[in-house]
Amino acid sequence: MTTRQSEILQEAIKLIAEKGIQGLTIKNLANSINVTEPAIYRHFENKQQILVGILSLFSENKENFLATIGNDSINPIDKLKSIFESRFKYFAKNPAIASVIFSEELFRNDRLLSDRVFEIMNSSQKIMLEIIRKGQNLNTIIDSVPAEQFAFIITGALRLIVTKWRLSNYSFNLQDEGLILWNSIEQIIKK
């Protein structure tokens, strides 16, 4: 990604934060950057490619974070908590990205975008699954519930609280509520 493409994506994220996902148009984006629409098209083919770029930024951020907790000496429950905390912190700082990631209506009729979100979801689910299985093998996470189900419960809970936060117009502290939710999940899964 070029520097200019990164700048356009950052401006697109700001525009989504200010006007919602519907406010992201090439015309609005060009106006906010003070360039012509053709200048945007030199860097991105269309709005869809801009949204793919935003999804890529999210995915890259997630991968960078996961690399920092990849150490096998870290307790699986602590890893799960770190993932939870990092996602809530990231979304609290970047509410527009939460709007993009969790906009099912935006992706419903767009195969490229829905495939990209599906890849991100599968990647997150796979990581959760590996950590949970390791915790079950180490006897720190209960094994009476299949790891796959715990992975769904954890990722679903994370998704639900972020969606609730977005739909409430960010009316509560996402990080605080996320920590409360994590503490409840930890009580459920911990041996």
N, C-alpha and C. Protein backbone atom coordinates (compact mmCIF):
# COMPACT_ATOMS: atom_id res chain seq x y z
N MET A 1 0.84 -1.18 0.00
CA MET A 1 0.00 0.00 0.00
C MET A 1 0.88 1.24 0.00
N THR A 2 0.56 2.18 -0.85
CA THR A 2 1.34 3.41 -0.92
C THR A 2 0.96 4.35 0.23
N THR A 3 1.81 5.33 0.43
CA THR A 3 1.53 6.34 1.47
C THR A 3 0.21 7.05 1.16
N ARG A 4 0.01 7.37 -0.10
CA ARG A 4 -1.22 8.08 -0.48
C ARG A 4 -2.45 7.21 -0.26
N GLN A 5 -2.35 5.92 -0.56
CA GLN A 5 -3.48 5.02 -0.31
C GLN A 5 -3.79 4.95 1.18
N SER A 6 -2.75 4.89 2.00
CA SER A 6 -2.96 4.89 3.46
C SER A 6 -3.66 6.16 3.91
N GLU A 7 -3.25 7.30 3.36
CA GLU A 7 -3.88 8.58 3.71
C GLU A 7 -5.36 8.58 3.30
N ILE A 8 -5.65 8.05 2.12
CA ILE A 8 -7.04 7.99 1.66
C ILE A 8 -7.86 7.09 2.57
N LEU A 9 -7.29 5.96 2.96
CA LEU A 9 -8.01 5.04 3.86
C LEU A 9 -8.27 5.70 5.22
N GLN A 10 -7.28 6.39 5.74
CA GLN A 10 -7.47 7.08 7.03
C GLN A 10 -8.56 8.13 6.92
N GLU A 11 -8.59 8.84 5.82
CA GLU A 11 -9.64 9.85 5.62
C GLU A 11 -10.99 9.19 5.44
N ALA A 12 -11.03 8.04 4.77
CA ALA A 12 -12.28 7.30 4.61
C ALA A 12 -12.80 6.85 5.97
N ILE A 13 -11.91 6.41 6.83
CA ILE A 13 -12.30 6.00 8.18
C ILE A 13 -12.87 7.19 8.95
N LYS A 14 -12.22 8.35 8.84
CA LYS A 14 -12.74 9.56 9.50
C LYS A 14 -14.12 9.92 8.96
N LEU A 15 -14.28 9.81 7.66
CA LEU A 15 -15.56 10.13 7.03
C LEU A 15 -16.67 9.20 7.53
N ILE A 16 -16.35 7.92 7.65
CA ILE A 16 -17.33 6.96 8.17
C ILE A 16 -17.68 7.32 9.61
N ALA A 17 -16.67 7.70 10.39
CA ALA A 17 -16.91 8.08 11.79
C ALA A 17 -17.83 9.29 11.88
N GLU A 18 -17.68 10.24 10.97
CA GLU A 18 -18.48 11.47 10.99
C GLU A 18 -19.88 11.29 10.39
N LYS A 19 -19.96 10.56 9.26
CA LYS A 19 -21.21 10.52 8.50
C LYS A 19 -21.83 9.13 8.38
N GLY A 20 -21.19 8.14 8.99
CA GLY A 20 -21.69 6.77 8.87
C GLY A 20 -21.22 6.15 7.57
N ILE A 21 -21.46 4.87 7.45
CA ILE A 21 -21.00 4.13 6.29
C ILE A 21 -21.64 4.65 5.00
N GLN A 22 -22.89 5.15 5.11
CA GLN A 22 -23.57 5.69 3.93
C GLN A 22 -22.92 6.98 3.45
N GLY A 23 -22.23 7.67 4.35
CA GLY A 23 -21.58 8.92 3.98
C GLY A 23 -20.27 8.74 3.24
N LEU A 24 -19.82 7.50 3.16
CA LEU A 24 -18.58 7.24 2.42
C LEU A 24 -18.91 7.11 0.93
N THR A 25 -18.69 8.20 0.24
CA THR A 25 -18.81 8.20 -1.22
C THR A 25 -17.50 8.75 -1.77
N ILE A 26 -17.23 8.45 -3.01
CA ILE A 26 -16.00 8.96 -3.63
C ILE A 26 -16.04 10.49 -3.64
N LYS A 27 -17.21 11.05 -3.90
CA LYS A 27 -17.35 12.51 -3.93
C LYS A 27 -17.05 13.11 -2.55
N ASN A 28 -17.67 12.54 -1.49
CA ASN A 28 -17.41 13.05 -0.14
C ASN A 28 -15.95 12.88 0.26
N LEU A 29 -15.37 11.76 -0.11
CA LEU A 29 -13.98 11.49 0.21
C LEU A 29 -13.06 12.48 -0.50
N ALA A 30 -13.31 12.70 -1.77
CA ALA A 30 -12.50 13.66 -2.53
C ALA A 30 -12.62 15.06 -1.91
N ASN A 31 -13.83 15.47 -1.55
CA ASN A 31 -14.03 16.78 -0.93
C ASN A 31 -13.29 16.90 0.40
N SER A 32 -13.32 15.84 1.20
CA SER A 32 -12.67 15.91 2.52
C SER A 32 -11.15 15.94 2.41
N ILE A 33 -10.61 15.39 1.34
CA ILE A 33 -9.16 15.42 1.14
C ILE A 33 -8.74 16.64 0.33
N ASN A 34 -9.71 17.30 -0.27
CA ASN A 34 -9.45 18.46 -1.11
C ASN A 34 -8.77 18.08 -2.42
N VAL A 35 -9.27 17.00 -3.04
CA VAL A 35 -8.78 16.57 -4.35
C VAL A 35 -9.99 16.30 -5.23
N THR A 36 -9.71 16.00 -6.49
CA THR A 36 -10.81 15.66 -7.39
C THR A 36 -11.14 14.17 -7.27
N GLU A 37 -12.32 13.80 -7.70
CA GLU A 37 -12.70 12.39 -7.68
C GLU A 37 -11.74 11.53 -8.50
N PRO A 38 -11.31 11.98 -9.70
CA PRO A 38 -10.35 11.17 -10.46
C PRO A 38 -9.04 10.92 -9.68
N ALA A 39 -8.68 11.84 -8.80
CA ALA A 39 -7.47 11.64 -8.00
C ALA A 39 -7.64 10.44 -7.06
N ILE A 40 -8.84 10.26 -6.54
CA ILE A 40 -9.12 9.09 -5.69
C ILE A 40 -9.05 7.82 -6.55
N TYR A 41 -9.64 7.89 -7.74
CA TYR A 41 -9.69 6.72 -8.62
C TYR A 41 -8.30 6.29 -9.12
N ARG A 42 -7.33 7.17 -9.04
CA ARG A 42 -5.96 6.78 -9.40
C ARG A 42 -5.39 5.80 -8.38
N HIS A 43 -5.93 5.84 -7.18
CA HIS A 43 -5.40 4.99 -6.10
C HIS A 43 -6.31 3.81 -5.76
N PHE A 44 -7.61 3.99 -5.97
CA PHE A 44 -8.58 2.93 -5.69
C PHE A 44 -9.58 2.89 -6.83
N GLU A 45 -9.86 1.69 -7.28
CA GLU A 45 -10.76 1.50 -8.40
C GLU A 45 -12.18 2.01 -8.12
N ASN A 46 -12.63 1.79 -6.85
CA ASN A 46 -13.99 2.15 -6.48
C ASN A 46 -14.14 2.13 -4.95
N LYS A 47 -15.33 2.42 -4.49
CA LYS A 47 -15.61 2.43 -3.05
C LYS A 47 -15.37 1.05 -2.44
N GLN A 48 -15.70 0.02 -3.18
CA GLN A 48 -15.49 -1.34 -2.69
C GLN A 48 -14.02 -1.57 -2.35
N GLN A 49 -13.13 -1.11 -3.20
CA GLN A 49 -11.70 -1.30 -2.96
C GLN A 49 -11.23 -0.51 -1.74
N ILE A 50 -11.85 0.61 -1.48
CA ILE A 50 -11.53 1.39 -0.27
C ILE A 50 -11.96 0.59 0.96
N LEU A 51 -13.14 0.01 0.91
CA LEU A 51 -13.62 -0.80 2.03
C LEU A 51 -12.75 -2.04 2.24
N VAL A 52 -12.31 -2.65 1.15
CA VAL A 52 -11.39 -3.79 1.25
C VAL A 52 -10.10 -3.32 1.93
N GLY A 53 -9.64 -2.12 1.59
CA GLY A 53 -8.44 -1.56 2.21
C GLY A 53 -8.63 -1.36 3.71
N ILE A 54 -9.79 -0.88 4.12
CA ILE A 54 -10.08 -0.70 5.55
C ILE A 54 -10.09 -2.06 6.26
N LEU A 55 -10.71 -3.05 5.63
CA LEU A 55 -10.71 -4.39 6.21
C LEU A 55 -9.29 -4.94 6.32
N SER A 56 -8.47 -4.63 5.35
CA SER A 56 -7.06 -5.07 5.39
C SER A 56 -6.31 -4.40 6.53
N LEU A 57 -6.59 -3.12 6.77
CA LEU A 57 -5.95 -2.43 7.90
C LEU A 57 -6.32 -3.11 9.21
N PHE A 58 -7.60 -3.45 9.36
CA PHE A 58 -8.05 -4.13 10.57
C PHE A 58 -7.34 -5.48 10.72
N SER A 59 -7.31 -6.23 9.64
CA SER A 59 -6.70 -7.55 9.66
C SER A 59 -5.21 -7.46 10.00
N GLU A 60 -4.54 -6.48 9.42
CA GLU A 60 -3.12 -6.27 9.70
C GLU A 60 -2.89 -5.92 11.17
N ASN A 61 -3.73 -5.05 11.70
CA ASN A 61 -3.62 -4.69 13.12
C ASN A 61 -3.81 -5.91 14.00
N LYS A 62 -4.78 -6.74 13.66
CA LYS A 62 -5.06 -7.95 14.43
C LYS A 62 -3.86 -8.90 14.38
N GLU A 63 -3.31 -9.09 13.20
CA GLU A 63 -2.16 -9.99 13.04
C GLU A 63 -0.94 -9.47 13.81
N ASN A 64 -0.71 -8.16 13.76
CA ASN A 64 0.41 -7.58 14.50
C ASN A 64 0.25 -7.81 16.00
N PHE A 65 -0.97 -7.63 16.49
CA PHE A 65 -1.21 -7.85 17.91
C PHE A 65 -0.98 -9.32 18.27
N LEU A 66 -1.53 -10.21 17.46
CA LEU A 66 -1.41 -11.64 17.76
C LEU A 66 0.05 -12.09 17.77
N ALA A 67 0.87 -11.46 16.97
CA ALA A 67 2.29 -11.80 16.97
C ALA A 67 2.93 -11.46 18.32
N THR A 68 2.40 -10.44 19.00
CA THR A 68 2.97 -10.06 20.29
C THR A 68 2.59 -11.01 21.41
N ILE A 69 1.51 -11.78 21.23
CA ILE A 69 1.10 -12.71 22.29
C ILE A 69 1.32 -14.17 21.87
N GLY A 70 2.08 -14.38 20.83
CA GLY A 70 2.31 -15.72 20.33
C GLY A 70 3.14 -16.60 21.24
N ASN A 71 3.78 -16.02 22.22
CA ASN A 71 4.64 -16.74 23.15
C ASN A 71 3.87 -17.87 23.84
N ASP A 72 4.43 -19.08 23.77
CA ASP A 72 3.75 -20.23 24.37
C ASP A 72 3.78 -20.24 25.89
N SER A 73 4.61 -19.39 26.48
CA SER A 73 4.66 -19.37 27.95
C SER A 73 3.48 -18.59 28.55
N ILE A 74 2.75 -17.89 27.71
CA ILE A 74 1.61 -17.12 28.21
C ILE A 74 0.42 -18.07 28.40
N ASN A 75 -0.19 -18.00 29.56
CA ASN A 75 -1.36 -18.80 29.90
C ASN A 75 -2.47 -18.56 28.86
N PRO A 76 -3.13 -19.63 28.36
CA PRO A 76 -4.19 -19.45 27.36
C PRO A 76 -5.31 -18.51 27.80
N ILE A 77 -5.68 -18.54 29.06
CA ILE A 77 -6.74 -17.63 29.52
C ILE A 77 -6.25 -16.18 29.45
N ASP A 78 -5.00 -15.95 29.81
CA ASP A 78 -4.43 -14.60 29.70
C ASP A 78 -4.36 -14.16 28.23
N LYS A 79 -4.08 -15.10 27.34
CA LYS A 79 -4.06 -14.77 25.90
C LYS A 79 -5.45 -14.33 25.44
N LEU A 80 -6.46 -15.11 25.84
CA LEU A 80 -7.83 -14.76 25.45
C LEU A 80 -8.23 -13.40 25.99
N LYS A 81 -7.86 -13.14 27.24
CA LYS A 81 -8.16 -11.84 27.85
C LYS A 81 -7.45 -10.72 27.09
N SER A 82 -6.21 -10.94 26.71
CA SER A 82 -5.45 -9.93 25.95
C SER A 82 -6.11 -9.64 24.61
N ILE A 83 -6.57 -10.69 23.96
CA ILE A 83 -7.25 -10.51 22.68
C ILE A 83 -8.51 -9.68 22.88
N PHE A 84 -9.31 -10.04 23.87
CA PHE A 84 -10.53 -9.31 24.18
C PHE A 84 -10.23 -7.83 24.44
N GLU A 85 -9.29 -7.59 25.35
CA GLU A 85 -8.94 -6.21 25.70
C GLU A 85 -8.43 -5.43 24.51
N SER A 86 -7.59 -6.07 23.69
CA SER A 86 -7.02 -5.35 22.55
C SER A 86 -8.08 -4.98 21.52
N ARG A 87 -9.03 -5.88 21.28
CA ARG A 87 -10.09 -5.59 20.31
C ARG A 87 -10.96 -4.45 20.81
N PHE A 88 -11.33 -4.49 22.09
CA PHE A 88 -12.17 -3.41 22.62
C PHE A 88 -11.43 -2.07 22.60
N LYS A 89 -10.16 -2.09 22.94
CA LYS A 89 -9.36 -0.87 22.90
C LYS A 89 -9.27 -0.34 21.47
N TYR A 90 -9.03 -1.24 20.53
CA TYR A 90 -8.91 -0.85 19.12
C TYR A 90 -10.22 -0.26 18.60
N PHE A 91 -11.33 -0.93 18.88
CA PHE A 91 -12.61 -0.41 18.40
C PHE A 91 -12.99 0.89 19.10
N ALA A 92 -12.66 1.03 20.38
CA ALA A 92 -12.96 2.28 21.09
C ALA A 92 -12.21 3.45 20.45
N LYS A 93 -11.00 3.19 20.01
CA LYS A 93 -10.21 4.24 19.34
C LYS A 93 -10.61 4.43 17.88
N ASN A 94 -11.19 3.39 17.28
CA ASN A 94 -11.53 3.40 15.86
C ASN A 94 -12.97 2.94 15.63
N PRO A 95 -13.94 3.70 16.12
CA PRO A 95 -15.34 3.26 15.98
C PRO A 95 -15.78 3.09 14.53
N ALA A 96 -15.18 3.85 13.63
CA ALA A 96 -15.56 3.72 12.22
C ALA A 96 -15.18 2.34 11.68
N ILE A 97 -14.07 1.79 12.16
CA ILE A 97 -13.68 0.46 11.70
C ILE A 97 -14.67 -0.58 12.22
N ALA A 98 -15.15 -0.39 13.43
CA ALA A 98 -16.19 -1.29 13.95
C ALA A 98 -17.43 -1.22 13.06
N SER A 99 -17.75 -0.02 12.58
CA SER A 99 -18.89 0.14 11.69
C SER A 99 -18.70 -0.63 10.39
N VAL A 100 -17.48 -0.66 9.91
CA VAL A 100 -17.21 -1.39 8.67
C VAL A 100 -17.20 -2.90 8.92
N ILE A 101 -16.48 -3.33 9.93
CA ILE A 101 -16.32 -4.76 10.21
C ILE A 101 -17.67 -5.42 10.51
N PHE A 102 -18.54 -4.71 11.24
CA PHE A 102 -19.79 -5.31 11.68
C PHE A 102 -21.00 -4.80 10.89
N SER A 103 -20.81 -4.45 9.64
CA SER A 103 -21.91 -3.96 8.79
C SER A 103 -22.37 -5.05 7.84
N GLU A 104 -23.12 -5.99 8.37
CA GLU A 104 -23.60 -7.09 7.54
C GLU A 104 -24.42 -6.59 6.34
N GLU A 105 -25.21 -5.55 6.58
CA GLU A 105 -26.04 -5.03 5.48
C GLU A 105 -25.18 -4.48 4.34
N LEU A 106 -24.02 -3.97 4.66
CA LEU A 106 -23.10 -3.43 3.66
C LEU A 106 -22.56 -4.54 2.77
N PHE A 107 -22.35 -5.73 3.35
CA PHE A 107 -21.70 -6.81 2.64
C PHE A 107 -22.66 -7.81 2.03
N ARG A 108 -23.91 -7.70 2.39
CA ARG A 108 -24.90 -8.71 1.98
C ARG A 108 -24.87 -8.98 0.48
N ASN A 109 -24.81 -7.96 -0.33
CA ASN A 109 -24.86 -8.14 -1.77
C ASN A 109 -23.51 -7.91 -2.45
N ASP A 110 -22.45 -7.94 -1.69
CA ASP A 110 -21.13 -7.72 -2.25
C ASP A 110 -20.23 -8.91 -1.91
N ARG A 111 -20.05 -9.78 -2.85
CA ARG A 111 -19.33 -11.04 -2.62
C ARG A 111 -17.89 -10.79 -2.17
N LEU A 112 -17.19 -9.85 -2.79
CA LEU A 112 -15.80 -9.58 -2.41
C LEU A 112 -15.69 -9.14 -0.96
N LEU A 113 -16.52 -8.20 -0.55
CA LEU A 113 -16.48 -7.71 0.82
C LEU A 113 -16.93 -8.78 1.81
N SER A 114 -17.99 -9.50 1.48
CA SER A 114 -18.45 -10.54 2.40
C SER A 114 -17.42 -11.66 2.53
N ASP A 115 -16.75 -11.99 1.43
CA ASP A 115 -15.68 -13.00 1.50
C ASP A 115 -14.53 -12.53 2.38
N ARG A 116 -14.19 -11.26 2.27
CA ARG A 116 -13.08 -10.71 3.07
C ARG A 116 -13.44 -10.72 4.56
N VAL A 117 -14.66 -10.31 4.89
CA VAL A 117 -15.09 -10.33 6.29
C VAL A 117 -15.14 -11.78 6.79
N PHE A 118 -15.59 -12.70 5.95
CA PHE A 118 -15.65 -14.10 6.31
C PHE A 118 -14.24 -14.65 6.60
N GLU A 119 -13.26 -14.24 5.80
CA GLU A 119 -11.87 -14.64 6.04
C GLU A 119 -11.38 -14.14 7.40
N ILE A 120 -11.69 -12.89 7.70
CA ILE A 120 -11.29 -12.31 8.99
C ILE A 120 -11.95 -13.07 10.13
N MET A 121 -13.24 -13.36 9.99
CA MET A 121 -13.96 -14.09 11.03
C MET A 121 -13.37 -15.49 11.22
N ASN A 122 -13.11 -16.18 10.11
CA ASN A 122 -12.54 -17.53 10.20
C ASN A 122 -11.16 -17.51 10.84
N SER A 123 -10.37 -16.52 10.49
CA SER A 123 -9.03 -16.40 11.07
C SER A 123 -9.13 -16.19 12.58
N SER A 124 -10.01 -15.30 13.00
CA SER A 124 -10.20 -15.04 14.43
C SER A 124 -10.70 -16.29 15.14
N GLN A 125 -11.65 -16.96 14.52
CA GLN A 125 -12.21 -18.18 15.11
C GLN A 125 -11.13 -19.26 15.27
N LYS A 126 -10.29 -19.39 14.26
CA LYS A 126 -9.22 -20.40 14.29
C LYS A 126 -8.23 -20.11 15.43
N ILE A 127 -7.88 -18.85 15.60
CA ILE A 127 -6.95 -18.46 16.66
C ILE A 127 -7.55 -18.75 18.02
N MET A 128 -8.81 -18.36 18.20
CA MET A 128 -9.51 -18.64 19.46
C MET A 128 -9.53 -20.14 19.74
N LEU A 129 -9.85 -20.90 18.71
CA LEU A 129 -9.94 -22.35 18.83
C LEU A 129 -8.61 -22.96 19.28
N GLU A 130 -7.53 -22.52 18.68
CA GLU A 130 -6.20 -23.03 19.06
C GLU A 130 -5.88 -22.72 20.52
N ILE A 131 -6.18 -21.50 20.93
CA ILE A 131 -5.89 -21.10 22.31
C ILE A 131 -6.76 -21.89 23.29
N ILE A 132 -8.03 -22.05 22.97
CA ILE A 132 -8.94 -22.78 23.85
C ILE A 132 -8.52 -24.25 23.95
N ARG A 133 -8.19 -24.85 22.82
CA ARG A 133 -7.74 -26.26 22.85
C ARG A 133 -6.49 -26.41 23.70
N LYS A 134 -5.58 -25.46 23.56
CA LYS A 134 -4.37 -25.53 24.37
C LYS A 134 -4.73 -25.42 25.86
N GLY A 135 -5.64 -24.51 26.19
CA GLY A 135 -6.09 -24.37 27.57
C GLY A 135 -6.75 -25.64 28.08
N GLN A 136 -7.52 -26.28 27.23
CA GLN A 136 -8.15 -27.54 27.63
C GLN A 136 -7.09 -28.63 27.83
N ASN A 137 -6.10 -28.66 26.95
CA ASN A 137 -5.01 -29.65 27.09
C ASN A 137 -4.19 -29.40 28.36
N LEU A 138 -4.03 -28.14 28.72
CA LEU A 138 -3.28 -27.78 29.93
C LEU A 138 -4.14 -27.87 31.19
N ASN A 139 -5.42 -28.18 30.99
CA ASN A 139 -6.35 -28.31 32.11
C ASN A 139 -6.64 -26.98 32.82
N THR A 140 -6.56 -25.86 32.06
CA THR A 140 -6.91 -24.55 32.63
C THR A 140 -8.28 -24.08 32.15
N ILE A 141 -8.76 -24.69 31.06
CA ILE A 141 -10.09 -24.37 30.51
C ILE A 141 -10.90 -25.67 30.55
N ILE A 142 -12.15 -25.57 31.00
CA ILE A 142 -12.97 -26.78 31.12
C ILE A 142 -13.11 -27.45 29.75
N ASP A 143 -13.18 -28.76 29.78
CA ASP A 143 -13.28 -29.50 28.52
C ASP A 143 -14.63 -30.19 28.35
N SER A 144 -15.58 -29.88 29.22
CA SER A 144 -16.91 -30.47 29.09
C SER A 144 -17.72 -29.81 27.96
N VAL A 145 -17.24 -28.67 27.50
CA VAL A 145 -17.84 -27.99 26.35
C VAL A 145 -16.80 -28.03 25.23
N PRO A 146 -17.20 -28.43 24.02
CA PRO A 146 -16.23 -28.48 22.92
C PRO A 146 -15.59 -27.11 22.67
N ALA A 147 -14.31 -27.13 22.32
CA ALA A 147 -13.56 -25.89 22.06
C ALA A 147 -14.24 -25.05 20.99
N GLU A 148 -14.81 -25.70 19.98
CA GLU A 148 -15.49 -24.96 18.90
C GLU A 148 -16.64 -24.12 19.45
N GLN A 149 -17.38 -24.68 20.40
CA GLN A 149 -18.51 -23.95 20.97
C GLN A 149 -18.04 -22.77 21.81
N PHE A 150 -16.97 -22.98 22.59
CA PHE A 150 -16.41 -21.86 23.35
C PHE A 150 -15.93 -20.75 22.40
N ALA A 151 -15.32 -21.12 21.30
CA ALA A 151 -14.84 -20.12 20.34
C ALA A 151 -16.01 -19.31 19.80
N PHE A 152 -17.13 -19.97 19.51
CA PHE A 152 -18.33 -19.25 19.04
C PHE A 152 -18.87 -18.34 20.13
N ILE A 153 -18.93 -18.83 21.34
CA ILE A 153 -19.46 -18.04 22.46
C ILE A 153 -18.61 -16.79 22.67
N ILE A 154 -17.31 -16.96 22.66
CA ILE A 154 -16.41 -15.83 22.93
C ILE A 154 -16.46 -14.80 21.80
N THR A 155 -16.32 -15.27 20.56
CA THR A 155 -16.33 -14.30 19.45
C THR A 155 -17.71 -13.69 19.27
N GLY A 156 -18.76 -14.48 19.52
CA GLY A 156 -20.12 -13.95 19.41
C GLY A 156 -20.40 -12.88 20.46
N ALA A 157 -19.91 -13.12 21.68
CA ALA A 157 -20.09 -12.14 22.75
C ALA A 157 -19.36 -10.84 22.43
N LEU A 158 -18.15 -10.97 21.92
CA LEU A 158 -17.37 -9.79 21.54
C LEU A 158 -18.12 -9.00 20.46
N ARG A 159 -18.57 -9.71 19.46
CA ARG A 159 -19.28 -9.08 18.35
C ARG A 159 -20.57 -8.39 18.83
N LEU A 160 -21.31 -9.07 19.70
CA LEU A 160 -22.57 -8.52 20.18
C LEU A 160 -22.37 -7.23 20.98
N ILE A 161 -21.38 -7.20 21.85
CA ILE A 161 -21.20 -6.00 22.67
C ILE A 161 -20.71 -4.82 21.81
N VAL A 162 -19.88 -5.10 20.82
CA VAL A 162 -19.44 -4.01 19.92
C VAL A 162 -20.63 -3.50 19.11
N THR A 163 -21.47 -4.41 18.63
CA THR A 163 -22.65 -3.99 17.87
C THR A 163 -23.60 -3.18 18.75
N LYS A 164 -23.81 -3.62 19.97
CA LYS A 164 -24.67 -2.88 20.91
C LYS A 164 -24.10 -1.48 21.15
N TRP A 165 -22.80 -1.39 21.33
CA TRP A 165 -22.12 -0.10 21.54
C TRP A 165 -22.34 0.82 20.34
N ARG A 166 -22.17 0.27 19.12
CA ARG A 166 -22.37 1.06 17.90
C ARG A 166 -23.81 1.54 17.79
N LEU A 167 -24.76 0.61 18.00
CA LEU A 167 -26.17 0.95 17.84
C LEU A 167 -26.67 1.90 18.91
N SER A 168 -26.00 1.94 20.06
CA SER A 168 -26.38 2.87 21.13
C SER A 168 -25.70 4.22 20.93
N ASN A 169 -25.10 4.41 19.76
CA ASN A 169 -24.37 5.63 19.45
C ASN A 169 -23.21 5.85 20.43
N TYR A 170 -22.53 4.73 20.74
CA TYR A 170 -21.32 4.75 21.57
C TYR A 170 -21.61 5.32 22.97
N SER A 171 -22.77 4.95 23.51
CA SER A 171 -23.24 5.55 24.76
C SER A 171 -22.60 4.97 26.02
N PHE A 172 -21.77 3.95 25.90
CA PHE A 172 -21.11 3.41 27.08
C PHE A 172 -19.64 3.17 26.78
N ASN A 173 -18.88 3.00 27.83
CA ASN A 173 -17.45 2.78 27.68
C ASN A 173 -17.22 1.33 27.26
N LEU A 174 -16.83 1.15 26.02
CA LEU A 174 -16.67 -0.18 25.46
C LEU A 174 -15.61 -1.00 26.19
N GLN A 175 -14.52 -0.37 26.55
CA GLN A 175 -13.45 -1.10 27.23
C GLN A 175 -13.90 -1.58 28.61
N ASP A 176 -14.60 -0.73 29.35
CA ASP A 176 -15.09 -1.13 30.67
C ASP A 176 -16.10 -2.26 30.57
N GLU A 177 -17.07 -2.11 29.67
CA GLU A 177 -18.09 -3.16 29.50
C GLU A 177 -17.47 -4.44 28.95
N GLY A 178 -16.47 -4.28 28.09
CA GLY A 178 -15.78 -5.45 27.56
C GLY A 178 -15.06 -6.23 28.65
N LEU A 179 -14.47 -5.52 29.59
CA LEU A 179 -13.78 -6.18 30.70
C LEU A 179 -14.77 -6.91 31.60
N ILE A 180 -15.92 -6.29 31.84
CA ILE A 180 -16.96 -6.96 32.64
C ILE A 180 -17.41 -8.25 31.93
N LEU A 181 -17.62 -8.14 30.62
CA LEU A 181 -18.01 -9.31 29.84
C LEU A 181 -16.93 -10.38 29.90
N TRP A 182 -15.67 -9.97 29.72
CA TRP A 182 -14.58 -10.94 29.77
C TRP A 182 -14.55 -11.65 31.13
N ASN A 183 -14.70 -10.91 32.22
CA ASN A 183 -14.68 -11.52 33.55
C ASN A 183 -15.76 -12.59 33.68
N SER A 184 -16.92 -12.34 33.10
CA SER A 184 -17.98 -13.35 33.13
C SER A 184 -17.62 -14.57 32.29
N ILE A 185 -17.08 -14.33 31.12
CA ILE A 185 -16.66 -15.45 30.26
C ILE A 185 -15.58 -16.27 30.94
N GLU A 186 -14.64 -15.58 31.56
CA GLU A 186 -13.55 -16.29 32.25
C GLU A 186 -14.11 -17.21 33.34
N GLN A 187 -15.12 -16.73 34.07
CA GLN A 187 -15.72 -17.57 35.11
C GLN A 187 -16.36 -18.82 34.52
N ILE A 188 -16.88 -18.69 33.32
CA ILE A 188 -17.54 -19.83 32.66
C ILE A 188 -16.53 -20.85 32.16
N ILE A 189 -15.43 -20.40 31.59
CA ILE A 189 -14.51 -21.32 30.92
C ILE A 189 -13.38 -21.84 31.80
N LYS A 190 -13.08 -21.12 32.87
CA LYS A 190 -11.93 -21.47 33.70
C LYS A 190 -12.19 -22.71 34.53
N LYS A 191 -11.19 -23.57 34.58
CA LYS A 191 -11.28 -24.80 35.39
C LYS A 191 -10.98 -24.50 36.83
